[in-house]
């Protein structure tokens, strides 16, 4: 298995950051297999969604509806409502696996691999790409 960690800047506000290009670069020339993407953080997740047509903003809006940034959370360090960031990975898991065929991601036409980060207190994230050859 080949594995590599990349650093991704997510900024100081909730964001959906497309990391498909980084994933494509990692698997280029690798043949057939599986790409496993993992975020080693307690407050971020990965989603395979369409971006650029509003779906990324819709996802953040839906997460705000399900996990509001208010004082209901028992986990209370960091900025207001930060406890919801620790619940996020139960809804948006910290991993995704994508087939790789002939060194190319086998994603659908409108699918992108996205890092979902609602935690503005941590603007820098690590993402681990691991390739398991077929």
Protein backbone atom coordinates (compact mmCIF):
# COMPACT_ATOMS: atom_id res chain seq x y z
CA UNK A 1 0.00 0.00 0.00
CA UNK A 2 1.21 3.50 -0.83
CA UNK A 3 0.21 6.29 1.56
CA UNK A 4 0.79 10.03 1.77
CA UNK A 5 -0.44 12.92 3.93
CA UNK A 6 -1.27 16.30 2.39
CA UNK A 7 -2.03 19.58 4.14
CA UNK A 8 -5.24 21.38 3.22
CA UNK A 9 -6.11 24.95 4.20
CA UNK A 10 -9.80 25.26 5.11
CA UNK A 11 -9.88 28.75 6.61
CA UNK A 12 -11.69 30.19 9.59
CA UNK A 13 -15.30 29.50 8.56
CA UNK A 14 -17.23 26.33 7.72
CA UNK A 15 -16.24 25.10 4.29
CA UNK A 16 -16.55 22.34 1.74
CA UNK A 17 -13.13 22.12 0.07
CA UNK A 18 -12.78 20.11 -3.15
CA UNK A 19 -9.68 17.88 -2.90
CA UNK A 20 -10.32 15.86 -6.06
CA UNK A 21 -7.29 17.30 -7.86
CA UNK A 22 -4.99 16.27 -5.00
CA UNK A 23 -6.51 12.77 -5.08
CA UNK A 24 -6.11 12.56 -8.88
CA UNK A 25 -2.45 13.52 -8.60
CA UNK A 26 -1.89 10.88 -5.93
CA UNK A 27 -3.33 7.99 -8.01
CA UNK A 28 -1.98 9.07 -11.41
CA UNK A 29 -0.09 6.19 -13.01
CA UNK A 30 -0.97 3.73 -10.22
CA UNK A 31 -3.03 1.26 -12.28
CA UNK A 32 -6.16 -0.40 -10.85
CA UNK A 33 -7.01 -0.42 -7.15
CA UNK A 34 -8.73 1.54 -4.42
CA UNK A 35 -8.06 5.01 -3.09
CA UNK A 36 -8.88 5.39 0.58
CA UNK A 37 -9.07 8.97 1.85
CA UNK A 38 -8.96 9.60 5.60
CA UNK A 39 -9.11 12.79 7.68
CA UNK A 40 -7.36 12.22 11.05
CA UNK A 41 -9.36 14.92 12.83
CA UNK A 42 -12.27 14.73 15.30
CA UNK A 43 -14.07 17.69 13.69
CA UNK A 44 -13.96 17.12 9.92
CA UNK A 45 -15.33 14.68 7.39
CA UNK A 46 -15.33 13.71 3.73
CA UNK A 47 -18.18 13.81 1.24
CA UNK A 48 -18.47 12.81 -2.40
CA UNK A 49 -20.78 15.43 -3.88
CA UNK A 50 -21.22 17.83 -6.76
CA UNK A 51 -19.55 21.19 -6.21
CA UNK A 52 -19.85 24.57 -7.87
CA UNK A 53 -23.61 24.41 -8.50
CA UNK A 54 -24.65 25.22 -4.93
CA UNK A 55 -24.58 21.71 -3.46
CA UNK A 56 -21.58 22.54 -1.31
CA UNK A 57 -23.39 25.52 0.23
CA UNK A 58 -26.56 23.41 0.54
CA UNK A 59 -24.58 20.83 2.51
CA UNK A 60 -23.32 23.49 4.94
CA UNK A 61 -26.86 24.86 5.32
CA UNK A 62 -28.22 21.36 6.01
CA UNK A 63 -25.48 20.76 8.59
CA UNK A 64 -26.37 24.07 10.28
CA UNK A 65 -30.01 22.92 10.44
CA UNK A 66 -29.10 19.50 11.88
CA UNK A 67 -26.16 20.66 14.02
CA UNK A 68 -26.74 24.32 15.00
CA UNK A 69 -23.97 26.43 16.50
CA UNK A 70 -25.70 27.18 19.77
CA UNK A 71 -25.09 26.34 23.41
CA UNK A 72 -26.90 22.96 23.50
CA UNK A 73 -23.65 21.00 23.25
CA UNK A 74 -22.00 19.46 26.32
CA UNK A 75 -18.60 19.62 24.62
CA UNK A 76 -17.90 23.33 25.21
CA UNK A 77 -14.30 24.34 24.52
CA UNK A 78 -13.43 26.55 21.55
CA UNK A 79 -15.83 28.90 19.80
CA UNK A 80 -19.58 28.99 20.45
CA UNK A 81 -21.29 25.79 19.31
CA UNK A 82 -17.98 23.96 18.79
CA UNK A 83 -19.51 20.82 20.28
CA UNK A 84 -21.40 20.34 17.02
CA UNK A 85 -18.08 20.09 15.18
CA UNK A 86 -17.29 16.99 17.24
CA UNK A 87 -20.64 15.43 16.24
CA UNK A 88 -20.08 16.17 12.53
CA UNK A 89 -18.13 12.94 11.75
CA UNK A 90 -21.18 10.87 12.75
CA UNK A 91 -23.04 12.54 9.83
CA UNK A 92 -20.14 13.17 7.42
CA UNK A 93 -17.64 10.34 8.01
CA UNK A 94 -13.90 11.02 8.12
CA UNK A 95 -13.21 8.56 5.29
CA UNK A 96 -14.14 7.69 1.72
CA UNK A 97 -13.05 4.96 -0.69
CA UNK A 98 -13.03 5.43 -4.47
CA UNK A 99 -12.24 2.87 -7.19
CA UNK A 100 -9.21 3.64 -9.34
CA UNK A 101 -9.07 2.29 -12.89
CA UNK A 102 -5.89 2.60 -14.91
CA UNK A 103 -4.59 5.34 -12.60
CA UNK A 104 -7.78 7.44 -12.74
CA UNK A 105 -10.48 8.00 -10.17
CA UNK A 106 -13.71 6.22 -11.17
CA UNK A 107 -15.97 9.05 -10.01
CA UNK A 108 -19.28 9.94 -11.66
CA UNK A 109 -19.52 12.95 -13.97
CA UNK A 110 -20.47 15.45 -11.25
CA UNK A 111 -18.81 13.81 -8.26
CA UNK A 112 -15.95 15.42 -6.34
CA UNK A 113 -14.12 14.35 -3.19
CA UNK A 114 -14.63 17.11 -0.62
CA UNK A 115 -13.25 17.85 2.80
CA UNK A 116 -16.08 19.12 5.01
CA UNK A 117 -14.81 21.30 7.84
CA UNK A 118 -17.22 23.20 10.09
CA UNK A 119 -14.54 23.98 12.68
CA UNK A 120 -13.25 27.50 12.07
CA UNK A 121 -10.94 27.15 15.08
CA UNK A 122 -8.63 24.84 13.08
CA UNK A 123 -7.89 26.32 9.61
CA UNK A 124 -5.29 23.69 8.60
CA UNK A 125 -6.15 20.03 8.07
CA UNK A 126 -4.28 16.87 7.17
CA UNK A 127 -5.69 14.37 4.69
CA UNK A 128 -4.23 10.88 4.22
CA UNK A 129 -4.44 9.30 0.77
CA UNK A 130 -3.77 5.55 0.65
CA UNK A 131 -3.68 3.50 -2.56
CA UNK A 132 -4.29 -0.23 -2.39
CA UNK A 133 -3.35 -1.84 -5.71
CA UNK A 134 -5.78 -4.32 -7.28
